[in-house]
Amino acid sequence: MLGVPAHRHVSRFRIVMAEVDAAQIHFTAMYRWMDRGFSTWLAEVGYPFTRLLEEGPGVPIVESRARFLERVQLDDEVELTTTVGGIGRTSFRSRHRFHRDGKLAVDGELVHVCVNRETRTPLVVPDWIRRAAVARGEDPADADLPAVD
């Protein structure tokens, strides 16, 4: 897939009061934003969740992580970049990087497995995900995303 640009979703937003706790940030907000970034990535490549619900596959999350490198708090402006890579046979990773003032603040990742929505049995990752995703080694920023199966 070299020569074909990988799809990246980029969004910018301000941290608002509903997203913080008494310490001015609530870690679960990052997971909501990762889900929003992945959902928007899917829509931008032609597969919004409404289409996945009709045509499949299911893409449940089986693992998640977030590394908090910098504090993100109320009224900060954040840029989120979402990519997909680390594609195995039946699973893949979505990578979510949050930058504040040009500096990486949070680095998150979700592992998704492709399943038949009725039987919940694993399915091969569809070609459309592979075409839109960052292949291992294609982008140095995502080279550390190993395939998950």
C-alpha atoms as a PDB file:
ATOM      1  CA  MET A   1       0.000   0.000   0.000  1.00  0.00           C
ATOM      2  CA  LEU A   2       2.988   2.266  -0.321  1.00  0.00           C
ATOM      3  CA  GLY A   3       2.256   5.377  -2.335  1.00  0.00           C
ATOM      4  CA  VAL A   4      -1.351   5.505  -1.126  1.00  0.00           C
ATOM      5  CA  PRO A   5      -1.736   8.122   1.592  1.00  0.00           C
ATOM      6  CA  ALA A   6      -3.151   6.806   4.837  1.00  0.00           C
ATOM      7  CA  HIS A   7      -6.285   8.477   6.098  1.00  0.00           C
ATOM      8  CA  ARG A   8      -5.879  10.692   9.160  1.00  0.00           C
ATOM      9  CA  HIS A   9      -8.697  12.336  11.038  1.00  0.00           C
ATOM     10  CA  VAL A  10      -7.758  15.591  12.758  1.00  0.00           C
ATOM     11  CA  SER A  11     -10.063  17.584  15.029  1.00  0.00           C
ATOM     12  CA  ARG A  12      -9.532  20.551  17.311  1.00  0.00           C
ATOM     13  CA  PHE A  13     -11.556  21.382  20.377  1.00  0.00           C
ATOM     14  CA  ARG A  14     -11.508  23.219  23.690  1.00  0.00           C
ATOM     15  CA  ILE A  15     -11.825  21.379  27.013  1.00  0.00           C
ATOM     16  CA  VAL A  16     -15.176  22.442  28.518  1.00  0.00           C
ATOM     17  CA  MET A  17     -16.593  22.323  32.047  1.00  0.00           C
ATOM     18  CA  ALA A  18     -18.650  19.142  31.458  1.00  0.00           C
ATOM     19  CA  GLU A  19     -15.418  17.253  30.671  1.00  0.00           C
ATOM     20  CA  VAL A  20     -13.519  17.984  33.865  1.00  0.00           C
ATOM     21  CA  ASP A  21     -13.596  17.071  37.540  1.00  0.00           C
ATOM     22  CA  ALA A  22     -12.378  19.024  40.569  1.00  0.00           C
ATOM     23  CA  ALA A  23      -8.782  18.556  39.370  1.00  0.00           C
ATOM     24  CA  GLN A  24      -9.868  20.143  36.038  1.00  0.00           C
ATOM     25  CA  ILE A  25      -9.551  17.022  33.898  1.00  0.00           C
ATOM     26  CA  HIS A  26     -11.223  13.645  33.959  1.00  0.00           C
ATOM     27  CA  PHE A  27      -9.289  10.803  32.341  1.00  0.00           C
ATOM     28  CA  THR A  28     -12.428   9.134  30.948  1.00  0.00           C
ATOM     29  CA  ALA A  29     -12.932  12.108  28.629  1.00  0.00           C
ATOM     30  CA  MET A  30      -9.910  10.940  26.633  1.00  0.00           C
ATOM     31  CA  TYR A  31     -11.632   7.613  25.952  1.00  0.00           C
ATOM     32  CA  ARG A  32     -14.800   9.383  24.766  1.00  0.00           C
ATOM     33  CA  TRP A  33     -12.677  11.524  22.431  1.00  0.00           C
ATOM     34  CA  MET A  34     -10.819   8.446  21.149  1.00  0.00           C
ATOM     35  CA  ASP A  35     -14.178   6.849  20.361  1.00  0.00           C
ATOM     36  CA  ARG A  36     -15.326  10.046  18.617  1.00  0.00           C
ATOM     37  CA  GLY A  37     -12.063  10.217  16.645  1.00  0.00           C
ATOM     38  CA  PHE A  38     -12.410   6.597  15.504  1.00  0.00           C
ATOM     39  CA  SER A  39     -16.098   7.033  14.648  1.00  0.00           C
ATOM     40  CA  THR A  40     -15.288  10.105  12.574  1.00  0.00           C
ATOM     41  CA  TRP A  41     -12.334   8.320  10.907  1.00  0.00           C
ATOM     42  CA  LEU A  42     -14.757   5.553   9.868  1.00  0.00           C
ATOM     43  CA  ALA A  43     -17.277   8.070   8.507  1.00  0.00           C
ATOM     44  CA  GLU A  44     -14.576   9.915   6.561  1.00  0.00           C
ATOM     45  CA  VAL A  45     -13.502   6.695   4.806  1.00  0.00           C
ATOM     46  CA  GLY A  46     -17.118   5.939   3.858  1.00  0.00           C
ATOM     47  CA  TYR A  47     -18.166   3.608   6.688  1.00  0.00           C
ATOM     48  CA  PRO A  48     -20.069   5.520   9.387  1.00  0.00           C
ATOM     49  CA  PHE A  49     -21.292   3.336  12.237  1.00  0.00           C
ATOM     50  CA  THR A  50     -24.825   3.313  10.785  1.00  0.00           C
ATOM     51  CA  ARG A  51     -23.388   1.553   7.721  1.00  0.00           C
ATOM     52  CA  LEU A  52     -21.392  -0.877   9.887  1.00  0.00           C
ATOM     53  CA  LEU A  53     -24.559  -1.715  11.828  1.00  0.00           C
ATOM     54  CA  GLU A  54     -26.250  -2.617   8.538  1.00  0.00           C
ATOM     55  CA  GLU A  55     -23.361  -4.293   6.688  1.00  0.00           C
ATOM     56  CA  GLY A  56     -20.880  -5.271   9.375  1.00  0.00           C
ATOM     57  CA  PRO A  57     -18.414  -6.113  10.646  1.00  0.00           C
ATOM     58  CA  GLY A  58     -18.738  -5.390  14.316  1.00  0.00           C
ATOM     59  CA  VAL A  59     -15.548  -3.747  15.638  1.00  0.00           C
ATOM     60  CA  PRO A  60     -15.682  -4.037  19.436  1.00  0.00           C
ATOM     61  CA  ILE A  61     -12.790  -2.771  21.524  1.00  0.00           C
ATOM     62  CA  VAL A  62     -10.907  -5.547  23.302  1.00  0.00           C
ATOM     63  CA  GLU A  63      -8.059  -3.500  24.777  1.00  0.00           C
ATOM     64  CA  SER A  64      -7.373   0.148  25.510  1.00  0.00           C
ATOM     65  CA  ARG A  65      -4.619   2.306  26.910  1.00  0.00           C
ATOM     66  CA  ALA A  66      -3.734   5.955  27.372  1.00  0.00           C
ATOM     67  CA  ARG A  67      -0.442   7.516  28.445  1.00  0.00           C
ATOM     68  CA  PHE A  68      -0.810  10.941  30.016  1.00  0.00           C
ATOM     69  CA  LEU A  69       2.407  12.804  29.238  1.00  0.00           C
ATOM     70  CA  GLU A  70       1.200  16.339  29.971  1.00  0.00           C
ATOM     71  CA  ARG A  71      -1.667  17.767  31.946  1.00  0.00           C
ATOM     72  CA  VAL A  72      -4.734  18.680  29.886  1.00  0.00           C
ATOM     73  CA  GLN A  73      -7.225  20.854  31.718  1.00  0.00           C
ATOM     74  CA  LEU A  74     -10.177  23.206  31.482  1.00  0.00           C
ATOM     75  CA  ASP A  75     -10.007  25.699  28.585  1.00  0.00           C
ATOM     76  CA  ASP A  76      -7.003  24.024  26.940  1.00  0.00           C
ATOM     77  CA  GLU A  77      -7.241  23.767  23.178  1.00  0.00           C
ATOM     78  CA  VAL A  78      -6.407  20.264  22.007  1.00  0.00           C
ATOM     79  CA  GLU A  79      -5.738  18.750  18.594  1.00  0.00           C
ATOM     80  CA  LEU A  80      -6.599  15.070  18.174  1.00  0.00           C
ATOM     81  CA  THR A  81      -5.137  13.003  15.336  1.00  0.00           C
ATOM     82  CA  THR A  82      -6.622   9.546  14.742  1.00  0.00           C
ATOM     83  CA  THR A  83      -5.044   6.901  12.514  1.00  0.00           C
ATOM     84  CA  VAL A  84      -5.474   3.164  12.099  1.00  0.00           C
ATOM     85  CA  GLY A  85      -2.637   0.639  11.852  1.00  0.00           C
ATOM     86  CA  GLY A  86      -1.199  -2.479  13.433  1.00  0.00           C
ATOM     87  CA  ILE A  87      -3.478  -4.595  11.280  1.00  0.00           C
ATOM     88  CA  GLY A  88      -3.467  -8.307  11.932  1.00  0.00           C
ATOM     89  CA  ARG A  89      -5.682 -10.978  10.452  1.00  0.00           C
ATOM     90  CA  THR A  90      -8.839 -10.196  12.475  1.00  0.00           C
ATOM     91  CA  SER A  91      -7.901  -7.121  14.493  1.00  0.00           C
ATOM     92  CA  PHE A  92      -6.380  -3.667  14.204  1.00  0.00           C
ATOM     93  CA  ARG A  93      -5.403  -0.685  16.334  1.00  0.00           C
ATOM     94  CA  SER A  94      -6.675   2.867  16.303  1.00  0.00           C
ATOM     95  CA  ARG A  95      -4.092   5.403  17.499  1.00  0.00           C
ATOM     96  CA  HIS A  96      -5.165   8.671  19.076  1.00  0.00           C
ATOM     97  CA  ARG A  97      -2.683  11.458  19.752  1.00  0.00           C
ATOM     98  CA  PHE A  98      -3.704  14.564  21.656  1.00  0.00           C
ATOM     99  CA  HIS A  99      -1.495  17.628  21.251  1.00  0.00           C
ATOM    100  CA  ARG A 100      -1.693  20.821  23.279  1.00  0.00           C
ATOM    101  CA  ASP A 101       0.350  23.799  22.117  1.00  0.00           C
ATOM    102  CA  GLY A 102       2.095  21.537  19.586  1.00  0.00           C
ATOM    103  CA  LYS A 103       3.291  19.113  22.275  1.00  0.00           C
ATOM    104  CA  LEU A 104       2.098  15.504  22.675  1.00  0.00           C
ATOM    105  CA  ALA A 105      -0.022  15.452  25.843  1.00  0.00           C
ATOM    106  CA  VAL A 106      -1.850  12.108  25.637  1.00  0.00           C
ATOM    107  CA  ASP A 107      -1.081   9.055  23.506  1.00  0.00           C
ATOM    108  CA  GLY A 108      -3.935   6.553  23.322  1.00  0.00           C
ATOM    109  CA  GLU A 109      -4.674   3.335  21.531  1.00  0.00           C
ATOM    110  CA  LEU A 110      -7.680   1.046  21.102  1.00  0.00           C
ATOM    111  CA  VAL A 111      -7.510  -2.541  19.847  1.00  0.00           C
ATOM    112  CA  HIS A 112     -10.540  -3.541  17.765  1.00  0.00           C
ATOM    113  CA  VAL A 113     -11.449  -7.031  16.630  1.00  0.00           C
ATOM    114  CA  CYS A 114     -13.646  -7.602  13.579  1.00  0.00           C
ATOM    115  CA  VAL A 115     -16.564  -9.902  14.348  1.00  0.00           C
ATOM    116  CA  ASN A 116     -19.753 -11.199  12.800  1.00  0.00           C
ATOM    117  CA  ARG A 117     -22.343  -9.113  14.632  1.00  0.00           C
ATOM    118  CA  GLU A 118     -24.764 -12.033  15.081  1.00  0.00           C
ATOM    119  CA  THR A 119     -22.416 -14.888  16.029  1.00  0.00           C
ATOM    120  CA  ARG A 120     -19.584 -12.758  17.503  1.00  0.00           C
ATOM    121  CA  THR A 121     -17.061 -14.975  15.681  1.00  0.00           C
ATOM    122  CA  PRO A 122     -13.908 -13.275  14.370  1.00  0.00           C
ATOM    123  CA  LEU A 123     -13.781 -12.036  10.765  1.00  0.00           C
ATOM    124  CA  VAL A 124     -10.837 -11.035   8.598  1.00  0.00           C
ATOM    125  CA  VAL A 125     -10.179  -7.275   8.657  1.00  0.00           C
ATOM    126  CA  PRO A 126     -11.953  -5.880   5.570  1.00  0.00           C
ATOM    127  CA  ASP A 127      -9.904  -4.574   2.648  1.00  0.00           C
ATOM    128  CA  TRP A 128     -11.440  -1.089   2.976  1.00  0.00           C
ATOM    129  CA  ILE A 129      -9.897  -0.748   6.464  1.00  0.00           C
ATOM    130  CA  ARG A 130      -6.550  -1.984   5.146  1.00  0.00           C
ATOM    131  CA  ARG A 131      -6.656   0.524   2.257  1.00  0.00           C
ATOM    132  CA  ALA A 132      -7.460   3.489   4.529  1.00  0.00           C
ATOM    133  CA  ALA A 133      -5.104   2.475   7.343  1.00  0.00           C
ATOM    134  CA  VAL A 134      -1.487   3.168   8.032  1.00  0.00           C
ATOM    135  CA  ALA A 135       0.393  -0.006   7.170  1.00  0.00           C
ATOM    136  CA  ARG A 136       3.259  -1.053   9.423  1.00  0.00           C
ATOM    137  CA  GLY A 137       6.409   0.760   8.470  1.00  0.00           C
ATOM    138  CA  GLU A 138       4.613   3.170   6.129  1.00  0.00           C
ATOM    139  CA  ASP A 139       4.560   6.058   8.583  1.00  0.00           C
ATOM    140  CA  PRO A 140       7.381   6.415  11.123  1.00  0.00           C
ATOM    141  CA  ALA A 141       4.930   7.848  13.675  1.00  0.00           C
ATOM    142  CA  ASP A 142       2.961   4.593  13.619  1.00  0.00           C
ATOM    143  CA  ALA A 143       5.791   2.129  13.061  1.00  0.00           C
ATOM    144  CA  ASP A 144       5.514   1.021  16.698  1.00  0.00           C
ATOM    145  CA  LEU A 145       1.979  -0.261  16.175  1.00  0.00           C
ATOM    146  CA  PRO A 146       2.548  -4.019  15.978  1.00  0.00           C
ATOM    147  CA  ALA A 147      -0.128  -6.225  14.442  1.00  0.00           C
ATOM    148  CA  VAL A 148      -2.348  -7.636  17.145  1.00  0.00           C
ATOM    149  CA  ASP A 149      -2.966 -11.093  15.668  1.00  0.00           C
END
